[in-house]
PDB file of N, CA and C in Angstrom:
ATOM      1  N   UNK A   1     -66.432  -4.123 -33.435  1.00  0.00           N
ATOM      2  CA  UNK A   1     -65.368  -4.657 -34.202  1.00  0.00           C
ATOM      3  C   UNK A   1     -65.538  -6.213 -34.065  1.00  0.00           C
ATOM      4  N   UNK A   2     -65.575  -6.921 -35.329  1.00  0.00           N
ATOM      5  CA  UNK A   2     -65.629  -8.319 -35.521  1.00  0.00           C
ATOM      6  C   UNK A   2     -64.570  -8.960 -34.922  1.00  0.00           C
ATOM      7  N   UNK A   3     -64.643 -10.119 -34.218  1.00  0.00           N
ATOM      8  CA  UNK A   3     -63.509 -10.845 -33.882  1.00  0.00           C
ATOM      9  C   UNK A   3     -63.895 -12.362 -34.163  1.00  0.00           C
ATOM     10  N   UNK A   4     -62.933 -12.982 -34.707  1.00  0.00           N
ATOM     11  CA  UNK A   4     -63.058 -14.484 -35.207  1.00  0.00           C
ATOM     12  C   UNK A   4     -63.272 -15.312 -33.991  1.00  0.00           C
ATOM     13  N   UNK A   5     -64.421 -16.113 -33.990  1.00  0.00           N
ATOM     14  CA  UNK A   5     -64.553 -17.134 -32.991  1.00  0.00           C
ATOM     15  C   UNK A   5     -64.735 -18.553 -33.533  1.00  0.00           C
ATOM     16  N   UNK A   6     -63.801 -19.386 -33.090  1.00  0.00           N
ATOM     17  CA  UNK A   6     -63.799 -20.862 -33.702  1.00  0.00           C
ATOM     18  C   UNK A   6     -63.528 -21.892 -32.407  1.00  0.00           C
ATOM     19  N   UNK A   7     -63.706 -23.149 -32.945  1.00  0.00           N
ATOM     20  CA  UNK A   7     -63.599 -24.231 -32.029  1.00  0.00           C
ATOM     21  C   UNK A   7     -62.151 -24.926 -32.370  1.00  0.00           C
ATOM     22  N   UNK A   8     -61.280 -25.127 -31.446  1.00  0.00           N
ATOM     23  CA  UNK A   8     -60.162 -25.843 -31.759  1.00  0.00           C
ATOM     24  C   UNK A   8     -59.992 -27.020 -30.815  1.00  0.00           C
ATOM     25  N   UNK A   9     -59.209 -27.958 -31.174  1.00  0.00           N
ATOM     26  CA  UNK A   9     -58.859 -28.945 -30.427  1.00  0.00           C
ATOM     27  C   UNK A   9     -57.431 -28.915 -29.867  1.00  0.00           C
ATOM     28  N   UNK A  10     -57.180 -29.022 -28.743  1.00  0.00           N
ATOM     29  CA  UNK A  10     -55.796 -28.998 -28.035  1.00  0.00           C
ATOM     30  C   UNK A  10     -55.696 -30.017 -27.226  1.00  0.00           C
ATOM     31  N   UNK A  11     -54.499 -30.688 -27.083  1.00  0.00           N
ATOM     32  CA  UNK A  11     -54.227 -31.655 -25.914  1.00  0.00           C
ATOM     33  C   UNK A  11     -54.203 -30.953 -24.674  1.00  0.00           C
ATOM     34  N   UNK A  12     -54.760 -31.598 -23.701  1.00  0.00           N
ATOM     35  CA  UNK A  12     -54.923 -31.087 -22.283  1.00  0.00           C
ATOM     36  C   UNK A  12     -54.150 -32.137 -21.314  1.00  0.00           C
ATOM     37  N   UNK A  13     -53.210 -31.536 -20.863  1.00  0.00           N
ATOM     38  CA  UNK A  13     -52.388 -32.444 -20.038  1.00  0.00           C
ATOM     39  C   UNK A  13     -52.999 -33.073 -18.796  1.00  0.00           C
ATOM     40  N   UNK A  14     -53.754 -32.229 -18.118  1.00  0.00           N
ATOM     41  CA  UNK A  14     -54.736 -32.741 -16.913  1.00  0.00           C
ATOM     42  C   UNK A  14     -55.371 -33.791 -17.360  1.00  0.00           C
ATOM     43  N   UNK A  15     -56.102 -33.910 -18.379  1.00  0.00           N
ATOM     44  CA  UNK A  15     -56.819 -35.013 -18.833  1.00  0.00           C
ATOM     45  C   UNK A  15     -56.428 -36.086 -19.833  1.00  0.00           C
ATOM     46  N   UNK A  16     -55.303 -35.720 -20.317  1.00  0.00           N
ATOM     47  CA  UNK A  16     -54.515 -36.667 -21.073  1.00  0.00           C
ATOM     48  C   UNK A  16     -55.296 -36.937 -22.474  1.00  0.00           C
ATOM     49  N   UNK A  17     -55.807 -35.939 -23.055  1.00  0.00           N
ATOM     50  CA  UNK A  17     -56.548 -36.247 -24.169  1.00  0.00           C
ATOM     51  C   UNK A  17     -56.859 -34.896 -24.869  1.00  0.00           C
ATOM     52  N   UNK A  18     -57.314 -34.914 -26.126  1.00  0.00           N
ATOM     53  CA  UNK A  18     -57.559 -33.532 -26.782  1.00  0.00           C
ATOM     54  C   UNK A  18     -58.854 -32.983 -26.225  1.00  0.00           C
ATOM     55  N   UNK A  19     -59.010 -31.878 -26.132  1.00  0.00           N
ATOM     56  CA  UNK A  19     -60.122 -31.258 -25.527  1.00  0.00           C
ATOM     57  C   UNK A  19     -60.597 -30.068 -26.562  1.00  0.00           C
ATOM     58  N   UNK A  20     -61.970 -29.741 -26.883  1.00  0.00           N
ATOM     59  CA  UNK A  20     -62.505 -28.795 -27.575  1.00  0.00           C
ATOM     60  C   UNK A  20     -62.498 -27.523 -26.752  1.00  0.00           C
ATOM     61  N   UNK A  21     -62.016 -26.322 -27.311  1.00  0.00           N
ATOM     62  CA  UNK A  21     -61.824 -25.113 -26.682  1.00  0.00           C
ATOM     63  C   UNK A  21     -62.400 -23.921 -27.887  1.00  0.00           C
ATOM     64  N   UNK A  22     -62.983 -22.885 -27.193  1.00  0.00           N
ATOM     65  CA  UNK A  22     -63.284 -21.781 -27.920  1.00  0.00           C
ATOM     66  C   UNK A  22     -62.013 -20.979 -28.104  1.00  0.00           C
ATOM     67  N   UNK A  23     -61.966 -20.368 -29.220  1.00  0.00           N
ATOM     68  CA  UNK A  23     -60.742 -19.307 -29.693  1.00  0.00           C
ATOM     69  C   UNK A  23     -61.246 -18.234 -29.995  1.00  0.00           C
ATOM     70  N   UNK A  24     -60.940 -16.992 -29.406  1.00  0.00           N
ATOM     71  CA  UNK A  24     -61.398 -15.852 -29.979  1.00  0.00           C
ATOM     72  C   UNK A  24     -60.090 -15.001 -30.391  1.00  0.00           C
ATOM     73  N   UNK A  25     -60.034 -14.846 -31.847  1.00  0.00           N
ATOM     74  CA  UNK A  25     -58.948 -14.464 -32.563  1.00  0.00           C
ATOM     75  C   UNK A  25     -57.791 -15.297 -32.351  1.00  0.00           C
ATOM     76  N   UNK A  26     -56.853 -15.011 -31.448  1.00  0.00           N
ATOM     77  CA  UNK A  26     -55.657 -15.849 -31.141  1.00  0.00           C
ATOM     78  C   UNK A  26     -55.541 -16.150 -29.582  1.00  0.00           C
ATOM     79  N   UNK A  27     -56.704 -16.053 -28.882  1.00  0.00           N
ATOM     80  CA  UNK A  27     -56.750 -16.287 -27.453  1.00  0.00           C
ATOM     81  C   UNK A  27     -57.801 -17.200 -27.155  1.00  0.00           C
ATOM     82  N   UNK A  28     -57.226 -18.398 -26.411  1.00  0.00           N
ATOM     83  CA  UNK A  28     -58.017 -19.503 -26.098  1.00  0.00           C
ATOM     84  C   UNK A  28     -58.692 -19.368 -24.756  1.00  0.00           C
ATOM     85  N   UNK A  29     -60.139 -19.553 -24.938  1.00  0.00           N
ATOM     86  CA  UNK A  29     -60.883 -19.576 -23.692  1.00  0.00           C
ATOM     87  C   UNK A  29     -60.972 -20.863 -22.962  1.00  0.00           C
ATOM     88  N   UNK A  30     -59.903 -20.959 -21.896  1.00  0.00           N
ATOM     89  CA  UNK A  30     -59.589 -22.201 -21.302  1.00  0.00           C
ATOM     90  C   UNK A  30     -60.539 -22.326 -20.154  1.00  0.00           C
ATOM     91  N   UNK A  31     -61.665 -22.867 -20.236  1.00  0.00           N
ATOM     92  CA  UNK A  31     -62.784 -22.824 -19.224  1.00  0.00           C
ATOM     93  C   UNK A  31     -63.258 -24.306 -19.097  1.00  0.00           C
ATOM     94  N   UNK A  32     -63.624 -24.568 -17.956  1.00  0.00           N
ATOM     95  CA  UNK A  32     -64.255 -25.990 -17.624  1.00  0.00           C
ATOM     96  C   UNK A  32     -64.555 -25.996 -16.145  1.00  0.00           C
ATOM     97  N   UNK A  33     -65.553 -27.021 -15.884  1.00  0.00           N
ATOM     98  CA  UNK A  33     -65.674 -27.214 -14.453  1.00  0.00           C
ATOM     99  C   UNK A  33     -64.691 -27.699 -13.819  1.00  0.00           C
ATOM    100  N   UNK A  34     -64.429 -27.495 -12.352  1.00  0.00           N
ATOM    101  CA  UNK A  34     -63.433 -28.242 -11.701  1.00  0.00           C
ATOM    102  C   UNK A  34     -63.816 -29.757 -11.775  1.00  0.00           C
ATOM    103  N   UNK A  35     -62.794 -30.494 -11.983  1.00  0.00           N
ATOM    104  CA  UNK A  35     -63.078 -32.091 -12.239  1.00  0.00           C
ATOM    105  C   UNK A  35     -63.731 -32.546 -10.828  1.00  0.00           C
ATOM    106  N   UNK A  36     -63.132 -32.242  -9.794  1.00  0.00           N
ATOM    107  CA  UNK A  36     -63.682 -32.698  -8.584  1.00  0.00           C
ATOM    108  C   UNK A  36     -65.183 -32.205  -8.162  1.00  0.00           C
ATOM    109  N   UNK A  37     -65.242 -30.929  -8.373  1.00  0.00           N
ATOM    110  CA  UNK A  37     -66.612 -30.501  -8.333  1.00  0.00           C
ATOM    111  C   UNK A  37     -67.598 -30.974  -9.342  1.00  0.00           C
ATOM    112  N   UNK A  38     -67.185 -31.368 -10.460  1.00  0.00           N
ATOM    113  CA  UNK A  38     -68.032 -32.232 -11.507  1.00  0.00           C
ATOM    114  C   UNK A  38     -68.487 -33.407 -11.000  1.00  0.00           C
ATOM    115  N   UNK A  39     -67.417 -34.216 -10.396  1.00  0.00           N
ATOM    116  CA  UNK A  39     -67.719 -35.671  -9.870  1.00  0.00           C
ATOM    117  C   UNK A  39     -68.635 -35.620  -8.543  1.00  0.00           C
ATOM    118  N   UNK A  40     -68.451 -34.480  -7.935  1.00  0.00           N
ATOM    119  CA  UNK A  40     -69.437 -34.403  -6.800  1.00  0.00           C
ATOM    120  C   UNK A  40     -70.994 -33.993  -7.210  1.00  0.00           C
ATOM    121  N   UNK A  41     -70.826 -33.224  -8.227  1.00  0.00           N
ATOM    122  CA  UNK A  41     -72.337 -32.914  -9.172  1.00  0.00           C
ATOM    123  C   UNK A  41     -73.004 -34.096  -9.631  1.00  0.00           C
ATOM    124  N   UNK A  42     -72.086 -34.848 -10.194  1.00  0.00           N
ATOM    125  CA  UNK A  42     -72.462 -36.233 -10.883  1.00  0.00           C
ATOM    126  C   UNK A  42     -73.069 -37.165  -9.759  1.00  0.00           C
ATOM    127  N   UNK A  43     -72.331 -37.373  -8.609  1.00  0.00           N
ATOM    128  CA  UNK A  43     -72.824 -38.160  -7.507  1.00  0.00           C
ATOM    129  C   UNK A  43     -74.003 -37.644  -7.018  1.00  0.00           C
ATOM    130  N   UNK A  44     -74.350 -36.407  -6.687  1.00  0.00           N
ATOM    131  CA  UNK A  44     -75.455 -35.822  -6.256  1.00  0.00           C
ATOM    132  C   UNK A  44     -76.705 -36.097  -7.249  1.00  0.00           C
ATOM    133  N   UNK A  45     -76.459 -36.003  -8.483  1.00  0.00           N
ATOM    134  CA  UNK A  45     -77.537 -36.324  -9.529  1.00  0.00           C
ATOM    135  C   UNK A  45     -77.823 -37.846  -9.527  1.00  0.00           C
ATOM    136  N   UNK A  46     -76.715 -38.617  -9.391  1.00  0.00           N
ATOM    137  CA  UNK A  46     -77.083 -40.070  -9.218  1.00  0.00           C
ATOM    138  C   UNK A  46     -77.914 -40.363  -7.948  1.00  0.00           C
ATOM    139  N   UNK A  47     -77.872 -39.620  -6.936  1.00  0.00           N
ATOM    140  CA  UNK A  47     -78.689 -39.888  -5.772  1.00  0.00           C
ATOM    141  C   UNK A  47     -80.085 -39.112  -5.777  1.00  0.00           C
ATOM    142  N   UNK A  48     -80.155 -38.115  -6.601  1.00  0.00           N
ATOM    143  CA  UNK A  48     -81.430 -37.327  -6.461  1.00  0.00           C
ATOM    144  C   UNK A  48     -81.446 -36.806  -7.947  1.00  0.00           C
ATOM    145  N   UNK A  49     -82.194 -37.237  -8.890  1.00  0.00           N
ATOM    146  CA  UNK A  49     -82.277 -36.793 -10.126  1.00  0.00           C
ATOM    147  C   UNK A  49     -83.021 -35.320 -10.432  1.00  0.00           C
ATOM    148  N   UNK A  50     -83.727 -35.032  -9.275  1.00  0.00           N
ATOM    149  CA  UNK A  50     -84.428 -33.813  -9.336  1.00  0.00           C
ATOM    150  C   UNK A  50     -83.384 -32.523  -9.295  1.00  0.00           C
ATOM    151  N   UNK A  51     -82.035 -32.880  -8.871  1.00  0.00           N
ATOM    152  CA  UNK A  51     -81.042 -31.902  -8.845  1.00  0.00           C
ATOM    153  C   UNK A  51     -80.455 -31.560 -10.354  1.00  0.00           C
ATOM    154  N   UNK A  52     -80.849 -32.563 -11.202  1.00  0.00           N
ATOM    155  CA  UNK A  52     -80.067 -32.530 -12.429  1.00  0.00           C
ATOM    156  C   UNK A  52     -80.227 -31.163 -13.093  1.00  0.00           C
ATOM    157  N   UNK A  53     -81.384 -30.697 -13.347  1.00  0.00           N
ATOM    158  CA  UNK A  53     -81.593 -29.225 -14.009  1.00  0.00           C
ATOM    159  C   UNK A  53     -81.001 -28.203 -13.276  1.00  0.00           C
ATOM    160  N   UNK A  54     -81.146 -28.061 -11.946  1.00  0.00           N
ATOM    161  CA  UNK A  54     -80.539 -27.296 -11.242  1.00  0.00           C
ATOM    162  C   UNK A  54     -79.048 -27.016 -11.385  1.00  0.00           C
ATOM    163  N   UNK A  55     -78.406 -28.126 -11.368  1.00  0.00           N
ATOM    164  CA  UNK A  55     -76.908 -28.309 -11.532  1.00  0.00           C
ATOM    165  C   UNK A  55     -76.554 -27.919 -12.791  1.00  0.00           C
ATOM    166  N   UNK A  56     -77.219 -28.343 -13.833  1.00  0.00           N
ATOM    167  CA  UNK A  56     -76.765 -28.012 -15.241  1.00  0.00           C
ATOM    168  C   UNK A  56     -77.032 -26.725 -15.507  1.00  0.00           C
ATOM    169  N   UNK A  57     -78.100 -25.945 -14.972  1.00  0.00           N
ATOM    170  CA  UNK A  57     -78.356 -24.516 -15.085  1.00  0.00           C
ATOM    171  C   UNK A  57     -77.269 -23.761 -14.574  1.00  0.00           C
ATOM    172  N   UNK A  58     -76.780 -24.186 -13.372  1.00  0.00           N
ATOM    173  CA  UNK A  58     -75.596 -23.611 -12.683  1.00  0.00           C
ATOM    174  C   UNK A  58     -74.258 -23.615 -13.453  1.00  0.00           C
ATOM    175  N   UNK A  59     -74.162 -24.785 -14.133  1.00  0.00           N
ATOM    176  CA  UNK A  59     -72.916 -24.859 -14.868  1.00  0.00           C
ATOM    177  C   UNK A  59     -72.984 -24.082 -16.180  1.00  0.00           C
ATOM    178  N   UNK A  60     -74.140 -23.992 -16.760  1.00  0.00           N
ATOM    179  CA  UNK A  60     -74.362 -23.082 -17.860  1.00  0.00           C
ATOM    180  C   UNK A  60     -74.362 -21.739 -17.556  1.00  0.00           C
ATOM    181  N   UNK A  61     -74.853 -21.241 -16.365  1.00  0.00           N
ATOM    182  CA  UNK A  61     -74.811 -19.811 -16.042  1.00  0.00           C
ATOM    183  C   UNK A  61     -73.436 -19.577 -15.634  1.00  0.00           C
ATOM    184  N   UNK A  62     -72.574 -20.339 -15.120  1.00  0.00           N
ATOM    185  CA  UNK A  62     -71.234 -20.114 -15.083  1.00  0.00           C
ATOM    186  C   UNK A  62     -70.323 -19.819 -16.350  1.00  0.00           C
ATOM    187  N   UNK A  63     -70.611 -20.854 -17.039  1.00  0.00           N
ATOM    188  CA  UNK A  63     -70.105 -20.680 -18.358  1.00  0.00           C
ATOM    189  C   UNK A  63     -70.345 -19.469 -19.115  1.00  0.00           C
ATOM    190  N   UNK A  64     -71.680 -19.012 -19.179  1.00  0.00           N
ATOM    191  CA  UNK A  64     -71.942 -17.798 -19.831  1.00  0.00           C
ATOM    192  C   UNK A  64     -71.456 -16.516 -19.173  1.00  0.00           C
ATOM    193  N   UNK A  65     -71.546 -16.385 -17.857  1.00  0.00           N
ATOM    194  CA  UNK A  65     -70.813 -15.579 -17.090  1.00  0.00           C
ATOM    195  C   UNK A  65     -69.420 -15.437 -17.286  1.00  0.00           C
ATOM    196  N   UNK A  66     -68.652 -16.470 -17.430  1.00  0.00           N
ATOM    197  CA  UNK A  66     -67.250 -16.540 -17.767  1.00  0.00           C
ATOM    198  C   UNK A  66     -66.989 -16.070 -19.116  1.00  0.00           C
ATOM    199  N   UNK A  67     -67.649 -16.579 -20.049  1.00  0.00           N
ATOM    200  CA  UNK A  67     -67.408 -16.154 -21.552  1.00  0.00           C
ATOM    201  C   UNK A  67     -67.815 -14.657 -21.794  1.00  0.00           C
ATOM    202  N   UNK A  68     -68.829 -14.267 -21.080  1.00  0.00           N
ATOM    203  CA  UNK A  68     -69.057 -12.852 -21.140  1.00  0.00           C
ATOM    204  C   UNK A  68     -67.889 -11.895 -20.697  1.00  0.00           C
ATOM    205  N   UNK A  69     -67.492 -12.325 -19.557  1.00  0.00           N
ATOM    206  CA  UNK A  69     -66.358 -11.501 -19.171  1.00  0.00           C
ATOM    207  C   UNK A  69     -65.111 -11.743 -19.925  1.00  0.00           C
ATOM    208  N   UNK A  70     -64.833 -12.761 -20.634  1.00  0.00           N
ATOM    209  CA  UNK A  70     -63.675 -13.218 -21.613  1.00  0.00           C
ATOM    210  C   UNK A  70     -63.758 -12.216 -22.720  1.00  0.00           C
ATOM    211  N   UNK A  71     -64.951 -12.137 -23.301  1.00  0.00           N
ATOM    212  CA  UNK A  71     -65.101 -11.230 -24.473  1.00  0.00           C
ATOM    213  C   UNK A  71     -65.310  -9.770 -24.274  1.00  0.00           C
ATOM    214  N   UNK A  72     -65.721  -9.417 -23.148  1.00  0.00           N
ATOM    215  CA  UNK A  72     -65.865  -8.076 -22.610  1.00  0.00           C
ATOM    216  C   UNK A  72     -67.153  -7.534 -22.981  1.00  0.00           C
ATOM    217  N   UNK A  73     -68.128  -8.412 -22.984  1.00  0.00           N
ATOM    218  CA  UNK A  73     -69.563  -7.875 -23.050  1.00  0.00           C
ATOM    219  C   UNK A  73     -70.581  -8.914 -22.700  1.00  0.00           C
ATOM    220  N   UNK A  74     -71.698  -8.718 -22.099  1.00  0.00           N
ATOM    221  CA  UNK A  74     -72.746  -9.536 -21.590  1.00  0.00           C
ATOM    222  C   UNK A  74     -73.277 -10.237 -22.828  1.00  0.00           C
ATOM    223  N   UNK A  75     -73.420 -11.457 -22.600  1.00  0.00           N
ATOM    224  CA  UNK A  75     -74.064 -12.343 -23.694  1.00  0.00           C
ATOM    225  C   UNK A  75     -74.813 -13.223 -23.081  1.00  0.00           C
ATOM    226  N   UNK A  76     -75.846 -13.819 -24.099  1.00  0.00           N
ATOM    227  CA  UNK A  76     -76.773 -14.977 -23.516  1.00  0.00           C
ATOM    228  C   UNK A  76     -76.114 -16.220 -24.140  1.00  0.00           C
ATOM    229  N   UNK A  77     -76.699 -17.320 -23.675  1.00  0.00           N
ATOM    230  CA  UNK A  77     -76.174 -18.604 -24.232  1.00  0.00           C
ATOM    231  C   UNK A  77     -76.525 -18.774 -25.726  1.00  0.00           C
ATOM    232  N   UNK A  78     -77.736 -18.255 -26.044  1.00  0.00           N
ATOM    233  CA  UNK A  78     -78.219 -18.202 -27.641  1.00  0.00           C
ATOM    234  C   UNK A  78     -77.141 -17.483 -28.475  1.00  0.00           C
ATOM    235  N   UNK A  79     -76.905 -16.161 -27.843  1.00  0.00           N
ATOM    236  CA  UNK A  79     -76.122 -15.310 -28.580  1.00  0.00           C
ATOM    237  C   UNK A  79     -74.593 -15.920 -28.707  1.00  0.00           C
ATOM    238  N   UNK A  80     -74.107 -16.651 -27.677  1.00  0.00           N
ATOM    239  CA  UNK A  80     -72.909 -17.384 -27.913  1.00  0.00           C
ATOM    240  C   UNK A  80     -72.994 -18.438 -28.885  1.00  0.00           C
ATOM    241  N   UNK A  81     -73.936 -19.394 -28.853  1.00  0.00           N
ATOM    242  CA  UNK A  81     -74.023 -20.413 -29.774  1.00  0.00           C
ATOM    243  C   UNK A  81     -74.243 -19.691 -31.186  1.00  0.00           C
ATOM    244  N   UNK A  82     -74.998 -18.775 -31.443  1.00  0.00           N
ATOM    245  CA  UNK A  82     -75.077 -18.118 -32.762  1.00  0.00           C
ATOM    246  C   UNK A  82     -73.685 -17.589 -33.281  1.00  0.00           C
ATOM    247  N   UNK A  83     -73.018 -16.884 -32.271  1.00  0.00           N
ATOM    248  CA  UNK A  83     -71.651 -16.480 -32.534  1.00  0.00           C
ATOM    249  C   UNK A  83     -70.690 -17.759 -32.954  1.00  0.00           C
ATOM    250  N   UNK A  84     -70.788 -18.736 -32.388  1.00  0.00           N
ATOM    251  CA  UNK A  84     -69.986 -19.918 -32.811  1.00  0.00           C
ATOM    252  C   UNK A  84     -70.373 -20.395 -34.179  1.00  0.00           C
ATOM    253  N   UNK A  85     -71.892 -20.578 -34.266  1.00  0.00           N
ATOM    254  CA  UNK A  85     -72.136 -21.095 -35.601  1.00  0.00           C
ATOM    255  C   UNK A  85     -71.734 -19.964 -36.791  1.00  0.00           C
ATOM    256  N   UNK A  86     -71.773 -18.639 -36.447  1.00  0.00           N
ATOM    257  CA  UNK A  86     -71.338 -17.785 -37.400  1.00  0.00           C
ATOM    258  C   UNK A  86     -69.827 -17.668 -37.715  1.00  0.00           C
ATOM    259  N   UNK A  87     -69.208 -17.868 -36.697  1.00  0.00           N
ATOM    260  CA  UNK A  87     -67.609 -17.960 -36.709  1.00  0.00           C
ATOM    261  C   UNK A  87     -67.174 -16.515 -36.226  1.00  0.00           C
ATOM    262  N   UNK A  88     -67.911 -15.648 -35.732  1.00  0.00           N
ATOM    263  CA  UNK A  88     -67.358 -14.381 -35.576  1.00  0.00           C
ATOM    264  C   UNK A  88     -68.351 -13.775 -34.253  1.00  0.00           C
ATOM    265  N   UNK A  89     -67.774 -12.675 -33.738  1.00  0.00           N
ATOM    266  CA  UNK A  89     -68.534 -12.115 -32.591  1.00  0.00           C
ATOM    267  C   UNK A  89     -68.177 -10.602 -32.739  1.00  0.00           C
ATOM    268  N   UNK A  90     -69.298  -9.820 -32.419  1.00  0.00           N
ATOM    269  CA  UNK A  90     -69.164  -8.336 -32.585  1.00  0.00           C
ATOM    270  C   UNK A  90     -68.709  -7.782 -31.333  1.00  0.00           C
TER     271      UNK A  90
END
Protein backbone atom coordinates (compact mmCIF):
# COMPACT_ATOMS: atom_id res chain seq x y z
CA UNK A 1 0.00 0.00 0.00
CA UNK A 2 1.52 3.31 -1.12
CA UNK A 3 1.67 6.13 1.39
CA UNK A 4 2.53 9.75 0.64
CA UNK A 5 5.85 10.88 2.12
CA UNK A 6 6.69 14.58 2.19
CA UNK A 7 8.75 17.17 4.01
CA UNK A 8 6.85 19.93 5.78
CA UNK A 9 7.97 22.90 7.86
CA UNK A 10 6.32 23.40 11.24
CA UNK A 11 7.04 25.85 14.02
CA UNK A 12 8.80 24.13 16.91
CA UNK A 13 8.08 25.69 20.31
CA UNK A 14 11.18 24.19 21.93
CA UNK A 15 13.57 25.68 19.35
CA UNK A 16 11.43 28.78 18.62
CA UNK A 17 11.79 28.34 14.85
CA UNK A 18 10.47 26.40 11.86
CA UNK A 19 11.80 22.84 11.63
CA UNK A 20 11.55 20.46 8.67
CA UNK A 21 9.67 17.25 9.46
CA UNK A 22 8.86 14.12 7.49
CA UNK A 23 5.14 13.52 7.06
CA UNK A 24 3.73 10.10 6.19
CA UNK A 25 0.18 10.54 4.89
CA UNK A 26 -1.22 12.73 7.69
CA UNK A 27 1.18 11.74 10.46
CA UNK A 28 4.27 13.77 11.40
CA UNK A 29 7.50 11.92 12.16
CA UNK A 30 8.58 14.04 15.11
CA UNK A 31 12.15 12.85 15.60
CA UNK A 32 15.37 14.52 16.53
CA UNK A 33 18.34 14.02 18.78
CA UNK A 34 17.97 15.24 22.34
CA UNK A 35 19.36 18.83 22.34
CA UNK A 36 21.51 18.24 25.44
CA UNK A 37 22.93 14.98 24.06
CA UNK A 38 23.63 16.70 20.73
CA UNK A 39 25.54 19.50 22.49
CA UNK A 40 27.57 16.89 24.39
CA UNK A 41 28.36 15.11 21.10
CA UNK A 42 29.49 18.39 19.52
CA UNK A 43 31.78 19.06 22.51
CA UNK A 44 33.28 15.55 22.22
CA UNK A 45 33.89 16.08 18.48
CA UNK A 46 35.52 19.44 19.16
CA UNK A 47 37.95 17.72 21.55
CA UNK A 48 38.49 14.59 19.46
CA UNK A 49 37.72 14.80 15.74
CA UNK A 50 38.26 11.03 15.40
CA UNK A 51 34.90 10.57 17.15
CA UNK A 52 33.01 12.52 14.50
CA UNK A 53 32.29 9.59 12.16
CA UNK A 54 31.34 7.30 15.04
CA UNK A 55 28.91 9.84 16.51
CA UNK A 56 27.37 10.70 13.13
CA UNK A 57 26.92 6.99 12.32
CA UNK A 58 25.23 6.51 15.68
CA UNK A 59 22.80 9.39 15.01
CA UNK A 60 22.03 8.11 11.50
CA UNK A 61 21.53 4.57 12.82
CA UNK A 62 19.11 5.81 15.46
CA UNK A 63 17.20 7.84 12.85
CA UNK A 64 16.92 4.88 10.45
CA UNK A 65 15.80 2.56 13.26
CA UNK A 66 13.21 5.07 14.51
CA UNK A 67 11.87 5.82 11.02
CA UNK A 68 11.65 2.09 10.24
CA UNK A 69 9.59 1.60 13.38
CA UNK A 70 7.41 4.61 12.45
CA UNK A 71 6.57 3.23 8.98
CA UNK A 72 6.27 -0.36 10.20
CA UNK A 73 9.01 -1.91 8.09
CA UNK A 74 12.80 -2.15 8.14
CA UNK A 75 14.41 0.38 5.81
CA UNK A 76 17.91 1.53 4.93
CA UNK A 77 19.01 5.16 4.74
CA UNK A 78 19.18 4.85 0.94
CA UNK A 79 15.60 3.52 0.83
CA UNK A 80 14.41 6.38 3.04
CA UNK A 81 16.15 8.97 0.84
CA UNK A 82 14.71 7.41 -2.33
CA UNK A 83 11.23 7.41 -0.79
CA UNK A 84 11.59 11.11 0.09
CA UNK A 85 12.72 11.89 -3.47
CA UNK A 86 9.82 9.89 -4.96
CA UNK A 87 7.29 11.32 -2.51
CA UNK A 88 5.91 7.95 -1.48
CA UNK A 89 6.67 4.78 0.39
CA UNK A 90 5.40 1.24 -0.11
